[in-house]
Amino acid sequence: MAMPPGESPGRSGPSQRLPHQSGQRAWPMRHPAWSGSVAIVALLAAIAGCANGNGSKSGGPATADPTPRPAATPAVRATSSLVCRANAVVWRPADHTIAKIRVRTVAGAQVTASGPLAWLHGGGAAIRANGNGTRTLRFRVGNATPGSLVVITVSVSGSGSTGSCRARLRPRAGAVTVAAPAQPTTPPPTTPPAAPQPAASCYPISDEGTCYEPGEFCRDDDHGMTGLAGDGETIICEDNDGWRWEPV
């Protein structure tokens, strides 16, 4: 049985019509403008896909740098957090005395001080606080202006930390000692020479503390009394033109 043109034989059904291809060109050839746009869009899509792929790969483990750079060592800076308290033991020290400043900090911290007064310790060298964190600094007070404020700055350091504090005091003028005027030297008073002591054997003794001699007047209390003259002669007080001591 003859088949109509354009049909192919089938097993059970009618034959399918094949498209007529003669005399027709490909779609890109018939639409060059649209085909160019489609190609550009496809190229941009391919570039975007490559970028996404690279981004996803970069999220993986980083490749080690074959020439590692040395890490920068951070500078160690001291912090101003160390405890520091200072106060004058005597608020008004006198001239030419020793002023004391008591410092409280941490145990073993280094302590230095500066100010207008002369520090007695080693010309300003650092000293250490004792086990309980205290230290007493001594300063020489010279001829200070009365009432002027003196500020002593104390610095402490230890274990990478530093601290500072201040102590204030007002020296006062010391008591002025005025020398007493020299007293004129006067010779000691002249004492009259002592009367000669009567001999122990004579009696009675006159009011002048001497022995009676024969012929001297005797006292009223001695009338009729017998005595002993200074030369050892016995005498008696009797009335002989007046009461006199007469030899016996």
C-alpha atoms as a PDB file:
ATOM      1  CA  MET A   1       0.000   0.000   0.000  1.00  0.00           C
ATOM      2  CA  ALA A   2       1.363   3.294  -1.053  1.00  0.00           C
ATOM      3  CA  MET A   3       2.115   5.811   1.747  1.00  0.00           C
ATOM      4  CA  PRO A   4       1.116   9.455   1.292  1.00  0.00           C
ATOM      5  CA  PRO A   5       4.001  11.809   1.057  1.00  0.00           C
ATOM      6  CA  GLY A   6       5.317  13.026   4.475  1.00  0.00           C
ATOM      7  CA  GLU A   7       4.150  10.039   6.480  1.00  0.00           C
ATOM      8  CA  SER A   8       6.157   7.150   7.896  1.00  0.00           C
ATOM      9  CA  PRO A   9       4.826   3.716   8.460  1.00  0.00           C
ATOM     10  CA  GLY A  10       3.775   2.802  12.022  1.00  0.00           C
ATOM     11  CA  ARG A  11       2.936  -0.346  13.835  1.00  0.00           C
ATOM     12  CA  SER A  12      -0.696   0.228  14.688  1.00  0.00           C
ATOM     13  CA  GLY A  13      -1.712   3.833  14.304  1.00  0.00           C
ATOM     14  CA  PRO A  14      -1.680   6.387  11.648  1.00  0.00           C
ATOM     15  CA  SER A  15       1.623   7.771  10.622  1.00  0.00           C
ATOM     16  CA  GLN A  16       3.048  11.040  12.163  1.00  0.00           C
ATOM     17  CA  ARG A  17       3.662  14.051   9.999  1.00  0.00           C
ATOM     18  CA  LEU A  18       7.272  15.231   9.948  1.00  0.00           C
ATOM     19  CA  PRO A  19       7.941  18.930   9.922  1.00  0.00           C
ATOM     20  CA  HIS A  20       8.916  20.355   6.699  1.00  0.00           C
ATOM     21  CA  GLN A  21      12.540  21.408   6.969  1.00  0.00           C
ATOM     22  CA  SER A  22      13.299  22.399   3.537  1.00  0.00           C
ATOM     23  CA  GLY A  23      13.865  26.104   2.934  1.00  0.00           C
ATOM     24  CA  GLN A  24      14.155  27.106   6.733  1.00  0.00           C
ATOM     25  CA  ARG A  25      17.340  28.576   8.598  1.00  0.00           C
ATOM     26  CA  ALA A  26      18.394  28.093  12.264  1.00  0.00           C
ATOM     27  CA  TRP A  27      16.801  30.427  14.893  1.00  0.00           C
ATOM     28  CA  PRO A  28      20.061  32.298  15.763  1.00  0.00           C
ATOM     29  CA  MET A  29      20.584  33.010  12.121  1.00  0.00           C
ATOM     30  CA  ARG A  30      17.076  34.372  11.766  1.00  0.00           C
ATOM     31  CA  HIS A  31      17.284  36.497  15.021  1.00  0.00           C
ATOM     32  CA  PRO A  32      20.883  37.748  15.392  1.00  0.00           C
ATOM     33  CA  ALA A  33      20.028  40.597  17.867  1.00  0.00           C
ATOM     34  CA  TRP A  34      18.244  38.313  20.283  1.00  0.00           C
ATOM     35  CA  SER A  35      20.904  35.642  20.008  1.00  0.00           C
ATOM     36  CA  GLY A  36      23.612  38.221  20.922  1.00  0.00           C
ATOM     37  CA  SER A  37      21.682  39.346  24.005  1.00  0.00           C
ATOM     38  CA  VAL A  38      21.157  35.755  25.072  1.00  0.00           C
ATOM     39  CA  ALA A  39      24.881  35.073  24.706  1.00  0.00           C
ATOM     40  CA  ILE A  40      25.821  38.102  26.856  1.00  0.00           C
ATOM     41  CA  VAL A  41      23.358  37.035  29.570  1.00  0.00           C
ATOM     42  CA  ALA A  42      24.813  33.527  29.552  1.00  0.00           C
ATOM     43  CA  LEU A  43      28.356  34.926  29.836  1.00  0.00           C
ATOM     44  CA  LEU A  44      27.440  37.100  32.851  1.00  0.00           C
ATOM     45  CA  ALA A  45      25.740  34.115  34.503  1.00  0.00           C
ATOM     46  CA  ALA A  46      28.867  32.018  33.984  1.00  0.00           C
ATOM     47  CA  ILE A  47      31.090  34.767  35.526  1.00  0.00           C
ATOM     48  CA  ALA A  48      28.781  35.064  38.535  1.00  0.00           C
ATOM     49  CA  GLY A  49      28.849  31.317  39.031  1.00  0.00           C
ATOM     50  CA  CYS A  50      32.650  31.298  38.989  1.00  0.00           C
ATOM     51  CA  ALA A  51      32.764  34.109  41.581  1.00  0.00           C
ATOM     52  CA  ASN A  52      30.391  32.232  43.864  1.00  0.00           C
ATOM     53  CA  GLY A  53      32.493  29.141  43.524  1.00  0.00           C
ATOM     54  CA  ASN A  54      35.653  30.979  44.464  1.00  0.00           C
ATOM     55  CA  GLY A  55      33.880  32.573  47.446  1.00  0.00           C
ATOM     56  CA  SER A  56      32.735  29.203  48.732  1.00  0.00           C
ATOM     57  CA  LYS A  57      36.264  27.844  48.377  1.00  0.00           C
ATOM     58  CA  SER A  58      37.761  30.728  50.284  1.00  0.00           C
ATOM     59  CA  GLY A  59      35.706  29.785  53.350  1.00  0.00           C
ATOM     60  CA  GLY A  60      37.841  26.671  53.771  1.00  0.00           C
ATOM     61  CA  PRO A  61      41.105  26.407  55.692  1.00  0.00           C
ATOM     62  CA  ALA A  62      43.577  29.159  54.791  1.00  0.00           C
ATOM     63  CA  THR A  63      46.803  28.213  53.126  1.00  0.00           C
ATOM     64  CA  ALA A  64      49.790  28.839  55.385  1.00  0.00           C
ATOM     65  CA  ASP A  65      52.062  31.683  54.328  1.00  0.00           C
ATOM     66  CA  PRO A  66      55.375  30.115  53.218  1.00  0.00           C
ATOM     67  CA  THR A  67      57.270  33.107  54.750  1.00  0.00           C
ATOM     68  CA  PRO A  68      55.663  33.859  58.156  1.00  0.00           C
ATOM     69  CA  ARG A  69      56.172  37.354  59.491  1.00  0.00           C
ATOM     70  CA  PRO A  70      57.429  37.845  63.083  1.00  0.00           C
ATOM     71  CA  ALA A  71      54.651  38.875  65.446  1.00  0.00           C
ATOM     72  CA  ALA A  72      55.042  42.349  66.938  1.00  0.00           C
ATOM     73  CA  THR A  73      55.774  42.291  70.667  1.00  0.00           C
ATOM     74  CA  PRO A  74      53.468  44.710  72.471  1.00  0.00           C
ATOM     75  CA  ALA A  75      55.243  47.276  74.652  1.00  0.00           C
ATOM     76  CA  VAL A  76      54.813  46.704  78.368  1.00  0.00           C
ATOM     77  CA  ARG A  77      53.504  49.847  80.005  1.00  0.00           C
ATOM     78  CA  ALA A  78      53.201  50.359  83.743  1.00  0.00           C
ATOM     79  CA  THR A  79      49.774  51.166  85.031  1.00  0.00           C
ATOM     80  CA  SER A  80      49.115  53.830  87.673  1.00  0.00           C
ATOM     81  CA  SER A  81      47.250  51.554  90.040  1.00  0.00           C
ATOM     82  CA  LEU A  82      49.665  50.936  92.913  1.00  0.00           C
ATOM     83  CA  VAL A  83      48.432  52.059  96.332  1.00  0.00           C
ATOM     84  CA  CYS A  84      50.262  55.131  97.634  1.00  0.00           C
ATOM     85  CA  ARG A  85      49.390  57.249 100.688  1.00  0.00           C
ATOM     86  CA  ALA A  86      51.713  59.758 102.363  1.00  0.00           C
ATOM     87  CA  ASN A  87      51.268  62.102 105.294  1.00  0.00           C
ATOM     88  CA  ALA A  88      53.489  64.221 107.518  1.00  0.00           C
ATOM     89  CA  VAL A  89      54.016  62.870 111.012  1.00  0.00           C
ATOM     90  CA  VAL A  90      54.332  66.466 112.285  1.00  0.00           C
ATOM     91  CA  TRP A  91      52.364  69.097 110.356  1.00  0.00           C
ATOM     92  CA  ARG A  92      54.409  72.080 111.666  1.00  0.00           C
ATOM     93  CA  PRO A  93      58.046  70.975 112.108  1.00  0.00           C
ATOM     94  CA  ALA A  94      60.436  73.614 113.376  1.00  0.00           C
ATOM     95  CA  ASP A  95      63.522  74.875 111.574  1.00  0.00           C
ATOM     96  CA  HIS A  96      66.667  72.779 111.846  1.00  0.00           C
ATOM     97  CA  THR A  97      64.744  69.662 112.776  1.00  0.00           C
ATOM     98  CA  ILE A  98      63.946  66.403 110.979  1.00  0.00           C
ATOM     99  CA  ALA A  99      60.551  66.166 109.241  1.00  0.00           C
ATOM    100  CA  LYS A 100      59.099  62.655 108.886  1.00  0.00           C
ATOM    101  CA  ILE A 101      56.814  61.496 106.035  1.00  0.00           C
ATOM    102  CA  ARG A 102      55.037  58.149 106.545  1.00  0.00           C
ATOM    103  CA  VAL A 103      54.309  56.247 103.298  1.00  0.00           C
ATOM    104  CA  ARG A 104      51.790  53.402 102.966  1.00  0.00           C
ATOM    105  CA  THR A 105      51.917  51.138  99.876  1.00  0.00           C
ATOM    106  CA  VAL A 106      52.310  47.392  99.137  1.00  0.00           C
ATOM    107  CA  ALA A 107      54.982  45.230 100.723  1.00  0.00           C
ATOM    108  CA  GLY A 108      58.363  45.416  98.994  1.00  0.00           C
ATOM    109  CA  ALA A 109      57.469  48.307  96.665  1.00  0.00           C
ATOM    110  CA  GLN A 110      60.250  50.718  95.718  1.00  0.00           C
ATOM    111  CA  VAL A 111      59.778  54.185  97.193  1.00  0.00           C
ATOM    112  CA  THR A 112      61.345  57.436  95.970  1.00  0.00           C
ATOM    113  CA  ALA A 113      60.647  61.041  96.952  1.00  0.00           C
ATOM    114  CA  SER A 114      61.321  64.545  95.677  1.00  0.00           C
ATOM    115  CA  GLY A 115      60.690  68.021  96.995  1.00  0.00           C
ATOM    116  CA  PRO A 116      62.318  71.210  98.294  1.00  0.00           C
ATOM    117  CA  LEU A 117      63.598  69.557 101.480  1.00  0.00           C
ATOM    118  CA  ALA A 118      66.806  67.526 101.599  1.00  0.00           C
ATOM    119  CA  TRP A 119      66.082  63.799 101.810  1.00  0.00           C
ATOM    120  CA  LEU A 120      68.391  62.113 104.293  1.00  0.00           C
ATOM    121  CA  HIS A 121      68.446  58.780 102.427  1.00  0.00           C
ATOM    122  CA  GLY A 122      71.199  58.398  99.827  1.00  0.00           C
ATOM    123  CA  GLY A 123      70.520  61.487  97.718  1.00  0.00           C
ATOM    124  CA  GLY A 124      67.166  60.269  96.370  1.00  0.00           C
ATOM    125  CA  ALA A 125      67.937  56.573  95.759  1.00  0.00           C
ATOM    126  CA  ALA A 126      64.950  54.244  95.892  1.00  0.00           C
ATOM    127  CA  ILE A 127      64.278  52.316  99.076  1.00  0.00           C
ATOM    128  CA  ARG A 128      61.841  49.466  99.651  1.00  0.00           C
ATOM    129  CA  ALA A 129      58.751  49.348 101.808  1.00  0.00           C
ATOM    130  CA  ASN A 130      58.848  46.845 104.626  1.00  0.00           C
ATOM    131  CA  GLY A 131      56.729  43.740 105.011  1.00  0.00           C
ATOM    132  CA  ASN A 132      53.558  45.589 105.954  1.00  0.00           C
ATOM    133  CA  GLY A 133      53.932  48.134 103.138  1.00  0.00           C
ATOM    134  CA  THR A 134      55.003  51.129 105.228  1.00  0.00           C
ATOM    135  CA  ARG A 135      58.107  53.299 105.172  1.00  0.00           C
ATOM    136  CA  THR A 136      59.074  56.493 106.996  1.00  0.00           C
ATOM    137  CA  LEU A 137      61.080  59.056 105.026  1.00  0.00           C
ATOM    138  CA  ARG A 138      63.162  61.705 106.795  1.00  0.00           C
ATOM    139  CA  PHE A 139      63.894  65.198 105.511  1.00  0.00           C
ATOM    140  CA  ARG A 140      66.096  67.956 106.891  1.00  0.00           C
ATOM    141  CA  VAL A 141      64.265  71.244 107.544  1.00  0.00           C
ATOM    142  CA  GLY A 142      66.477  74.291 107.051  1.00  0.00           C
ATOM    143  CA  ASN A 143      65.591  77.965 107.306  1.00  0.00           C
ATOM    144  CA  ALA A 144      62.043  77.644 105.999  1.00  0.00           C
ATOM    145  CA  THR A 145      59.860  80.639 105.287  1.00  0.00           C
ATOM    146  CA  PRO A 146      57.346  80.746 108.149  1.00  0.00           C
ATOM    147  CA  GLY A 147      53.931  79.571 106.984  1.00  0.00           C
ATOM    148  CA  SER A 148      55.077  78.475 103.492  1.00  0.00           C
ATOM    149  CA  LEU A 149      53.569  75.221 102.170  1.00  0.00           C
ATOM    150  CA  VAL A 150      56.054  72.456 101.356  1.00  0.00           C
ATOM    151  CA  VAL A 151      54.944  69.561  99.094  1.00  0.00           C
ATOM    152  CA  ILE A 152      56.808  66.239  99.047  1.00  0.00           C
ATOM    153  CA  THR A 153      56.015  63.991  96.045  1.00  0.00           C
ATOM    154  CA  VAL A 154      56.327  60.244  96.686  1.00  0.00           C
ATOM    155  CA  SER A 155      56.518  57.658  93.876  1.00  0.00           C
ATOM    156  CA  VAL A 156      56.078  53.905  94.335  1.00  0.00           C
ATOM    157  CA  SER A 157      56.600  51.053  91.863  1.00  0.00           C
ATOM    158  CA  GLY A 158      56.491  47.289  91.832  1.00  0.00           C
ATOM    159  CA  SER A 159      55.308  44.330  89.719  1.00  0.00           C
ATOM    160  CA  GLY A 160      54.845  46.501  86.626  1.00  0.00           C
ATOM    161  CA  SER A 161      52.603  49.001  88.417  1.00  0.00           C
ATOM    162  CA  THR A 162      53.311  52.510  89.617  1.00  0.00           C
ATOM    163  CA  GLY A 163      51.654  55.026  91.862  1.00  0.00           C
ATOM    164  CA  SER A 164      52.281  58.454  93.325  1.00  0.00           C
ATOM    165  CA  CYS A 165      51.026  60.549  96.218  1.00  0.00           C
ATOM    166  CA  ARG A 166      51.876  63.775  98.027  1.00  0.00           C
ATOM    167  CA  ALA A 167      52.462  64.888 101.580  1.00  0.00           C
ATOM    168  CA  ARG A 168      52.125  68.512 102.720  1.00  0.00           C
ATOM    169  CA  LEU A 169      53.594  70.339 105.690  1.00  0.00           C
ATOM    170  CA  ARG A 170      54.236  73.918 106.863  1.00  0.00           C
ATOM    171  CA  PRO A 171      57.569  74.396 108.640  1.00  0.00           C
ATOM    172  CA  ARG A 172      57.716  77.034 111.324  1.00  0.00           C
ATOM    173  CA  ALA A 173      60.530  79.192 112.596  1.00  0.00           C
ATOM    174  CA  GLY A 174      62.260  77.697 115.586  1.00  0.00           C
ATOM    175  CA  ALA A 175      62.522  79.516 118.894  1.00  0.00           C
ATOM    176  CA  VAL A 176      65.287  82.112 118.788  1.00  0.00           C
ATOM    177  CA  THR A 177      67.658  81.762 121.685  1.00  0.00           C
ATOM    178  CA  VAL A 178      68.814  85.180 122.906  1.00  0.00           C
ATOM    179  CA  ALA A 179      72.024  85.141 124.887  1.00  0.00           C
ATOM    180  CA  ALA A 180      71.706  86.790 128.262  1.00  0.00           C
ATOM    181  CA  PRO A 181      73.835  89.927 128.645  1.00  0.00           C
ATOM    182  CA  ALA A 182      77.058  89.367 130.472  1.00  0.00           C
ATOM    183  CA  GLN A 183      76.773  90.263 134.093  1.00  0.00           C
ATOM    184  CA  PRO A 184      79.537  92.508 135.504  1.00  0.00           C
ATOM    185  CA  THR A 185      81.822  90.580 137.678  1.00  0.00           C
ATOM    186  CA  THR A 186      82.039  92.038 141.151  1.00  0.00           C
ATOM    187  CA  PRO A 187      84.612  91.012 143.687  1.00  0.00           C
ATOM    188  CA  PRO A 188      83.277  89.004 146.575  1.00  0.00           C
ATOM    189  CA  PRO A 189      82.469  91.076 149.635  1.00  0.00           C
ATOM    190  CA  THR A 190      85.404  91.639 151.915  1.00  0.00           C
ATOM    191  CA  THR A 191      84.866  90.070 155.289  1.00  0.00           C
ATOM    192  CA  PRO A 192      86.615  91.609 158.251  1.00  0.00           C
ATOM    193  CA  PRO A 193      89.265  89.459 159.811  1.00  0.00           C
ATOM    194  CA  ALA A 194      87.994  87.269 162.554  1.00  0.00           C
ATOM    195  CA  ALA A 195      88.741  88.350 166.085  1.00  0.00           C
ATOM    196  CA  PRO A 196      91.374  86.320 167.746  1.00  0.00           C
ATOM    197  CA  GLN A 197      89.876  83.480 169.632  1.00  0.00           C
ATOM    198  CA  PRO A 198      90.472  83.695 173.357  1.00  0.00           C
ATOM    199  CA  ALA A 199      92.444  81.066 175.015  1.00  0.00           C
ATOM    200  CA  ALA A 200      90.352  78.250 176.231  1.00  0.00           C
ATOM    201  CA  SER A 201      91.670  78.783 179.771  1.00  0.00           C
ATOM    202  CA  CYS A 202      90.474  82.400 180.257  1.00  0.00           C
ATOM    203  CA  TYR A 203      87.130  83.320 181.718  1.00  0.00           C
ATOM    204  CA  PRO A 204      84.788  85.047 181.744  1.00  0.00           C
ATOM    205  CA  ILE A 205      84.735  86.244 178.131  1.00  0.00           C
ATOM    206  CA  SER A 206      84.066  89.878 177.332  1.00  0.00           C
ATOM    207  CA  ASP A 207      81.198  90.990 175.086  1.00  0.00           C
ATOM    208  CA  GLU A 208      83.789  91.381 172.277  1.00  0.00           C
ATOM    209  CA  GLY A 209      84.782  87.751 172.691  1.00  0.00           C
ATOM    210  CA  THR A 210      88.173  88.477 174.287  1.00  0.00           C
ATOM    211  CA  CYS A 211      89.811  87.639 177.564  1.00  0.00           C
ATOM    212  CA  TYR A 212      89.812  90.197 180.368  1.00  0.00           C
ATOM    213  CA  GLU A 213      93.063  91.696 181.507  1.00  0.00           C
ATOM    214  CA  PRO A 214      93.820  93.154 184.980  1.00  0.00           C
ATOM    215  CA  GLY A 215      92.600  96.782 185.270  1.00  0.00           C
ATOM    216  CA  GLU A 216      89.746  96.461 182.734  1.00  0.00           C
ATOM    217  CA  PHE A 217      86.216  97.327 183.761  1.00  0.00           C
ATOM    218  CA  CYS A 218      83.991  94.383 184.424  1.00  0.00           C
ATOM    219  CA  ARG A 219      80.282  94.011 183.779  1.00  0.00           C
ATOM    220  CA  ASP A 220      77.607  94.464 186.364  1.00  0.00           C
ATOM    221  CA  ASP A 221      76.839  90.756 186.207  1.00  0.00           C
ATOM    222  CA  ASP A 222      80.491  89.976 187.038  1.00  0.00           C
ATOM    223  CA  HIS A 223      80.673  91.954 190.320  1.00  0.00           C
ATOM    224  CA  GLY A 224      82.539  89.887 192.936  1.00  0.00           C
ATOM    225  CA  MET A 225      83.250  87.147 190.413  1.00  0.00           C
ATOM    226  CA  THR A 226      86.690  85.521 190.168  1.00  0.00           C
ATOM    227  CA  GLY A 227      88.134  84.777 186.762  1.00  0.00           C
ATOM    228  CA  LEU A 228      91.272  84.025 184.827  1.00  0.00           C
ATOM    229  CA  ALA A 229      93.056  86.582 182.670  1.00  0.00           C
ATOM    230  CA  GLY A 230      94.463  85.895 179.257  1.00  0.00           C
ATOM    231  CA  ASP A 231      97.976  85.424 180.636  1.00  0.00           C
ATOM    232  CA  GLY A 232      96.687  82.858 183.087  1.00  0.00           C
ATOM    233  CA  GLU A 233      96.632  85.214 186.110  1.00  0.00           C
ATOM    234  CA  THR A 234      93.743  84.949 188.569  1.00  0.00           C
ATOM    235  CA  ILE A 235      91.588  88.077 188.605  1.00  0.00           C
ATOM    236  CA  ILE A 236      88.585  89.288 190.565  1.00  0.00           C
ATOM    237  CA  CYS A 237      85.913  91.902 189.822  1.00  0.00           C
ATOM    238  CA  GLU A 238      85.930  94.326 192.728  1.00  0.00           C
ATOM    239  CA  ASP A 239      85.172  97.999 193.355  1.00  0.00           C
ATOM    240  CA  ASN A 240      88.408  99.946 193.016  1.00  0.00           C
ATOM    241  CA  ASP A 241      87.468 103.451 191.906  1.00  0.00           C
ATOM    242  CA  GLY A 242      84.934 101.592 189.782  1.00  0.00           C
ATOM    243  CA  TRP A 243      84.332  97.909 189.276  1.00  0.00           C
ATOM    244  CA  ARG A 244      87.471  96.509 187.714  1.00  0.00           C
ATOM    245  CA  TRP A 245      89.226  93.212 187.234  1.00  0.00           C
ATOM    246  CA  GLU A 246      92.042  93.209 189.715  1.00  0.00           C
ATOM    247  CA  PRO A 247      94.746  90.593 190.318  1.00  0.00           C
ATOM    248  CA  VAL A 248      94.095  88.462 193.374  1.00  0.00           C
END
